Amino acid sequence: MKIEFLVDPKFARDDVMVFDFQEFEWINDEKSVIEEELAEYFDHICRREEEIPVILLLRRTVYFSIVDLFIMSLKVAGELSCSAVQFVIGSEGIRDYLENQIPPIDTMREEFLLKNYTVILATGDISEVEADAIVNASNTRLVLGAGVSGAISAKAGASLQTEMSAIAARKTPKAGDAVITSSHSLAKCRYIIHAATVEGSPETVSMAVQNCLAICMEKRIACIAFPALGTGTGGLGIEVCAKVMIETLMSFYRKDCSKLYPKTVIFILWTKSSFSVFLETFRAALNDNI
């Protein structure tokens, strides 16, 4: 699918969402409703071979960030096999930022066989990863939202939120805590570990990684997959995230090299730029520990 950007400064100050340069008003902020409207619009336009869908992404929207709408649009357009989509934006800065959010066409992957565990860095959708457990970036209320949480929720089914709500009712997690649930309708993993990292501080992310690894030890989970914790709603920079998560992982094994679980740790990154940051950070950490 070809992705085009048109920069038009006159749209930098507007607050309306426009499809095909027609004003479009959402009745509510339900993610499912917005996806349905996007799908209807894309399907309508993509049937006309001479036209492509046009989405105006503005500096501010009522319900979602520009990135949320951009990623959602790419997802829907991909599912409908649209050949191209054009995004109209208000500045070159926004264009540059959005270009870094585009997932690579081909999966990027690097594997490192260490003394008593394996680390894999890869691009992709964490809800599609084959692992014993995947990690969900959650909030302390254990309420599923957008981003990684939304991708997992869409495939796991409504019963996942029911189990999470029951756990929260017994004891509300604190920032950095991690709780485990079954995978429900996710077929490629056995468990989902929910890490409360919405706060996004380095300390919270480090604590969450430690708690996830401790659960692996307790439950004898051999393979766990992490997203870039804290970088979504938490606002943690990808460079800081990579440094914290990798240092915490290495410290976990350094303290006790006899640890048997997990045997494989996977970091799943959404974009090429995030993958490159994690790869560079991991290689540097390896050199420092030689």
Protein backbone atom coordinates (compact mmCIF):
# COMPACT_ATOMS: atom_id res chain seq x y z
CA MET A 1 0.00 0.00 0.00
CA LYS A 2 1.37 3.39 -1.01
CA ILE A 3 1.23 6.06 1.71
CA GLU A 4 1.25 9.67 0.54
CA PHE A 5 1.58 12.85 2.61
CA LEU A 6 0.39 16.29 1.52
CA VAL A 7 1.54 19.17 3.73
CA ASP A 8 -0.87 22.12 3.74
CA PRO A 9 -0.25 24.77 6.46
CA LYS A 10 -3.83 26.06 6.30
CA PHE A 11 -4.96 22.91 8.13
CA ALA A 12 -2.58 23.40 11.06
CA ARG A 13 -5.13 25.51 12.96
CA ASP A 14 -8.36 23.60 12.31
CA ASP A 15 -10.09 21.19 14.68
CA VAL A 16 -12.37 19.16 12.41
CA MET A 17 -11.73 15.71 11.04
CA VAL A 18 -12.27 15.58 7.30
CA PHE A 19 -12.72 12.53 5.09
CA ASP A 20 -12.29 13.25 1.39
CA PHE A 21 -12.49 16.96 2.26
CA GLN A 22 -16.02 16.52 3.55
CA GLU A 23 -16.69 17.47 7.17
CA PHE A 24 -17.30 14.32 9.17
CA GLU A 25 -18.75 14.29 12.67
CA TRP A 26 -18.54 11.28 14.94
CA ILE A 27 -21.50 10.64 17.21
CA ASN A 28 -19.28 9.30 19.99
CA ASP A 29 -15.71 8.26 20.70
CA GLU A 30 -16.19 4.49 20.55
CA LYS A 31 -13.18 2.99 18.78
CA SER A 32 -15.33 0.35 17.10
CA VAL A 33 -17.65 3.02 15.67
CA ILE A 34 -14.75 5.01 14.26
CA GLU A 35 -13.22 1.90 12.70
CA GLU A 36 -16.57 1.03 11.10
CA GLU A 37 -16.88 4.54 9.63
CA LEU A 38 -13.31 4.40 8.32
CA ALA A 39 -13.96 0.99 6.77
CA GLU A 40 -17.14 2.21 5.09
CA TYR A 41 -15.35 5.26 3.70
CA PHE A 42 -12.28 3.33 2.48
CA ASP A 43 -14.42 0.60 0.92
CA HIS A 44 -16.48 3.21 -0.93
CA ILE A 45 -13.44 5.05 -2.33
CA CYS A 46 -11.26 2.00 -3.07
CA ARG A 47 -13.98 0.59 -5.32
CA ARG A 48 -13.32 3.53 -7.66
CA GLU A 49 -9.99 2.63 -9.21
CA GLU A 50 -9.23 6.20 -10.24
CA GLU A 51 -9.54 7.57 -6.69
CA ILE A 52 -7.72 7.01 -3.41
CA PRO A 53 -8.95 7.72 0.14
CA VAL A 54 -7.92 11.10 1.55
CA ILE A 55 -7.71 11.62 5.31
CA LEU A 56 -7.06 14.99 6.89
CA LEU A 57 -5.12 14.63 10.14
CA LEU A 58 -5.25 17.75 12.26
CA ARG A 59 -3.14 19.03 15.12
CA ARG A 60 -5.94 18.36 17.62
CA THR A 61 -8.89 16.03 17.50
CA VAL A 62 -11.65 15.58 20.01
CA TYR A 63 -11.20 11.92 20.87
CA PHE A 64 -7.93 10.54 19.50
CA SER A 65 -4.40 11.73 18.85
CA ILE A 66 -3.16 12.14 15.29
CA VAL A 67 -1.02 9.03 15.72
CA ASP A 68 -4.02 6.94 16.91
CA LEU A 69 -6.05 7.97 13.87
CA PHE A 70 -3.12 7.49 11.52
CA ILE A 71 -2.40 3.95 12.74
CA MET A 72 -6.11 3.08 12.73
CA SER A 73 -6.44 4.35 9.15
CA LEU A 74 -3.47 2.26 8.00
CA LYS A 75 -4.92 -0.82 9.69
CA VAL A 76 -8.34 -0.46 8.06
CA ALA A 77 -6.90 0.42 4.65
CA GLY A 78 -4.62 -2.62 4.81
CA GLU A 79 -7.48 -4.94 5.69
CA LEU A 80 -9.43 -3.64 2.67
CA SER A 81 -6.35 -3.95 0.40
CA CYS A 82 -6.41 -0.29 -0.62
CA SER A 83 -3.59 0.43 -3.07
CA ALA A 84 -2.89 3.89 -1.64
CA VAL A 85 -4.00 6.37 1.03
CA GLN A 86 -3.23 10.08 1.16
CA PHE A 87 -2.92 11.95 4.46
CA VAL A 88 -3.23 15.73 4.54
CA ILE A 89 -1.37 17.34 7.45
CA GLY A 90 -0.58 20.82 8.67
CA SER A 91 3.22 20.75 8.92
CA GLU A 92 6.35 18.95 7.77
CA GLY A 93 7.15 18.19 11.41
CA ILE A 94 3.95 16.14 11.74
CA ARG A 95 4.76 14.36 8.47
CA ASP A 96 8.23 13.41 9.69
CA TYR A 97 6.80 12.14 12.98
CA LEU A 98 4.10 10.06 11.29
CA GLU A 99 6.58 8.52 8.85
CA ASN A 100 8.37 7.06 11.87
CA GLN A 101 5.11 5.38 12.96
CA ILE A 102 4.75 3.33 9.78
CA PRO A 103 5.51 -0.35 10.38
CA PRO A 104 8.10 -1.84 7.99
CA ILE A 105 6.74 -3.92 5.12
CA ASP A 106 9.12 -6.80 5.83
CA THR A 107 9.66 -8.12 9.36
CA MET A 108 12.97 -7.05 10.90
CA ARG A 109 14.53 -9.58 13.27
CA GLU A 110 17.76 -10.10 15.20
CA GLU A 111 18.49 -12.98 17.58
CA PHE A 112 21.16 -13.13 20.27
CA LEU A 113 22.12 -16.42 21.96
CA LEU A 114 23.55 -15.56 25.36
CA LYS A 115 24.92 -17.81 28.10
CA ASN A 116 21.63 -18.97 29.58
CA TYR A 117 18.92 -17.15 27.64
CA THR A 118 18.03 -15.87 24.17
CA VAL A 119 17.00 -12.33 23.24
CA ILE A 120 15.05 -11.66 20.06
CA LEU A 121 14.34 -8.19 18.65
CA ALA A 122 11.64 -8.03 15.99
CA THR A 123 9.09 -5.75 14.38
CA GLY A 124 5.44 -6.69 14.31
CA ASP A 125 2.13 -6.90 16.14
CA ILE A 126 2.56 -8.34 19.64
CA SER A 127 -0.92 -9.86 19.52
CA GLU A 128 0.32 -12.10 16.68
CA VAL A 129 3.52 -13.27 18.38
CA GLU A 130 4.02 -16.93 19.26
CA ALA A 131 5.14 -17.00 22.90
CA ASP A 132 4.11 -18.54 26.19
CA ALA A 133 3.21 -15.06 27.45
CA ILE A 134 2.88 -11.61 25.93
CA VAL A 135 2.99 -8.38 27.93
CA ASN A 136 0.22 -5.79 27.74
CA ALA A 137 1.01 -2.17 28.59
CA SER A 138 -1.81 -1.50 31.05
CA ASN A 139 -3.03 1.11 33.51
CA THR A 140 -3.49 0.62 37.25
CA ARG A 141 -7.26 0.18 36.75
CA LEU A 142 -6.63 -2.78 34.43
CA VAL A 143 -8.91 -1.27 31.79
CA LEU A 144 -8.08 -2.08 28.18
CA GLY A 145 -7.60 0.93 25.94
CA ALA A 146 -5.88 1.77 22.65
CA GLY A 147 -2.40 1.03 21.30
CA VAL A 148 -0.91 -2.33 22.37
CA SER A 149 -3.81 -2.81 24.78
CA GLY A 150 -6.34 -2.24 22.01
CA ALA A 151 -4.65 -4.69 19.64
CA ILE A 152 -4.67 -7.39 22.31
CA SER A 153 -8.25 -6.63 23.38
CA ALA A 154 -9.58 -6.88 19.82
CA LYS A 155 -8.27 -10.43 19.42
CA ALA A 156 -8.61 -11.75 22.98
CA GLY A 157 -12.33 -10.98 23.23
CA ALA A 158 -14.54 -9.38 25.90
CA SER A 159 -13.83 -12.11 28.45
CA LEU A 160 -10.30 -10.75 28.92
CA GLN A 161 -11.61 -7.47 30.32
CA THR A 162 -13.96 -9.41 32.59
CA GLU A 163 -11.04 -11.31 34.12
CA MET A 164 -8.96 -8.13 34.45
CA SER A 165 -11.81 -6.28 36.16
CA ALA A 166 -12.21 -9.13 38.65
CA ILE A 167 -8.50 -8.91 39.53
CA ALA A 168 -8.69 -5.12 39.94
CA ALA A 169 -11.75 -5.48 42.19
CA ARG A 170 -9.78 -7.70 44.56
CA LYS A 171 -6.70 -5.48 44.64
CA THR A 172 -5.91 -2.40 42.55
CA PRO A 173 -2.38 -2.65 41.12
CA LYS A 174 0.18 0.09 41.71
CA ALA A 175 2.38 1.62 39.03
CA GLY A 176 5.00 -0.95 38.05
CA ASP A 177 2.95 -3.95 39.20
CA ALA A 178 2.23 -6.88 36.88
CA VAL A 179 -0.67 -9.35 36.94
CA ILE A 180 -1.27 -12.44 34.84
CA THR A 181 -4.42 -13.61 33.04
CA SER A 182 -5.18 -16.35 30.56
CA SER A 183 -4.92 -15.51 26.85
CA HIS A 184 -8.64 -16.05 26.17
CA SER A 185 -9.14 -15.99 22.37
CA LEU A 186 -5.49 -15.27 21.55
CA ALA A 187 -4.37 -18.55 20.01
CA LYS A 188 -0.61 -17.97 19.83
CA CYS A 189 0.09 -17.49 23.55
CA ARG A 190 -0.99 -19.07 26.84
CA TYR A 191 -0.89 -16.02 29.11
CA ILE A 192 -1.11 -12.25 29.04
CA ILE A 193 0.88 -10.36 31.66
CA HIS A 194 -0.50 -6.87 32.28
CA ALA A 195 2.19 -4.37 33.31
CA ALA A 196 0.94 -1.12 34.85
CA THR A 197 3.15 1.34 32.96
CA VAL A 198 0.74 4.08 31.90
CA GLU A 199 2.69 6.51 34.12
CA GLY A 200 5.67 6.03 31.81
CA SER A 201 8.54 6.84 34.18
CA PRO A 202 11.83 4.90 33.81
CA GLU A 203 11.46 3.61 37.39
CA THR A 204 7.97 2.29 36.70
CA VAL A 205 9.04 0.56 33.48
CA SER A 206 12.03 -1.05 35.19
CA MET A 207 9.87 -2.31 38.06
CA ALA A 208 7.28 -3.65 35.61
CA VAL A 209 9.91 -5.59 33.66
CA GLN A 210 11.26 -7.08 36.91
CA ASN A 211 7.76 -8.11 37.98
CA CYS A 212 7.00 -9.68 34.59
CA LEU A 213 10.22 -11.70 34.74
CA ALA A 214 9.42 -12.76 38.31
CA ILE A 215 6.06 -14.09 37.11
CA CYS A 216 7.91 -16.09 34.45
CA MET A 217 10.04 -17.66 37.17
CA GLU A 218 7.00 -18.45 39.31
CA LYS A 219 4.88 -19.87 36.48
CA ARG A 220 7.79 -21.49 34.59
CA ILE A 221 7.08 -19.40 31.51
CA ALA A 222 9.81 -20.17 28.98
CA CYS A 223 9.16 -17.44 26.40
CA ILE A 224 7.86 -13.91 27.02
CA ALA A 225 7.28 -11.07 24.54
CA PHE A 226 7.47 -7.41 25.57
CA PRO A 227 6.32 -4.29 23.72
CA ALA A 228 8.13 -0.98 24.26
CA LEU A 229 6.57 -0.29 27.67
CA GLY A 230 5.66 3.27 28.62
CA THR A 231 6.14 4.76 25.15
CA GLY A 232 2.45 5.08 24.28
CA THR A 233 0.19 6.97 26.66
CA GLY A 234 3.08 7.07 29.15
CA GLY A 235 5.09 9.30 26.81
CA LEU A 236 8.48 7.70 27.57
CA GLY A 237 11.06 8.29 24.84
CA ILE A 238 12.04 5.19 22.89
CA GLU A 239 15.75 5.67 23.67
CA VAL A 240 15.10 5.77 27.41
CA CYS A 241 12.67 2.86 27.16
CA ALA A 242 15.20 0.67 25.35
CA LYS A 243 17.96 1.48 27.83
CA VAL A 244 15.78 0.80 30.88
CA MET A 245 14.20 -2.42 29.60
CA ILE A 246 17.48 -3.91 28.37
CA GLU A 247 19.45 -2.93 31.48
CA THR A 248 16.71 -4.38 33.71
CA LEU A 249 16.69 -7.63 31.74
CA MET A 250 20.46 -8.04 31.91
CA SER A 251 20.51 -7.19 35.60
CA PHE A 252 17.86 -9.86 36.24
CA TYR A 253 20.13 -12.60 34.88
CA ARG A 254 23.36 -11.09 36.19
CA LYS A 255 22.10 -11.31 39.78
CA ASP A 256 21.50 -15.05 39.43
CA CYS A 257 22.90 -16.73 36.32
CA SER A 258 21.20 -20.00 37.31
CA LYS A 259 17.72 -18.65 36.51
CA LEU A 260 15.91 -21.11 34.26
CA TYR A 261 12.94 -18.92 33.25
CA PRO A 262 12.34 -17.25 30.95
CA LYS A 263 14.61 -18.93 28.44
CA THR A 264 13.66 -16.55 25.60
CA VAL A 265 12.81 -12.85 25.81
CA ILE A 266 11.33 -11.14 22.75
CA PHE A 267 11.08 -7.38 22.27
CA ILE A 268 8.39 -6.56 19.69
CA LEU A 269 8.70 -3.10 18.14
CA TRP A 270 6.11 -1.44 15.94
CA THR A 271 8.38 0.69 13.72
CA LYS A 272 11.72 0.46 11.96
CA SER A 273 13.07 3.38 13.99
CA SER A 274 12.09 1.76 17.32
CA PHE A 275 13.69 -1.51 16.22
CA SER A 276 16.91 0.31 15.31
CA VAL A 277 17.04 2.03 18.70
CA PHE A 278 16.55 -1.25 20.59
CA LEU A 279 19.12 -3.02 18.42
CA GLU A 280 21.75 -0.32 18.91
CA THR A 281 21.05 -0.17 22.65
CA PHE A 282 21.25 -3.94 23.05
CA ARG A 283 24.53 -4.20 21.15
CA ALA A 284 26.01 -1.41 23.27
CA ALA A 285 24.86 -3.18 26.45
CA LEU A 286 26.48 -6.41 25.29
CA ASN A 287 29.80 -4.64 24.71
CA ASP A 288 29.63 -3.02 28.14
CA ASN A 289 29.10 -6.42 29.78
CA ILE A 290 31.93 -8.27 28.03
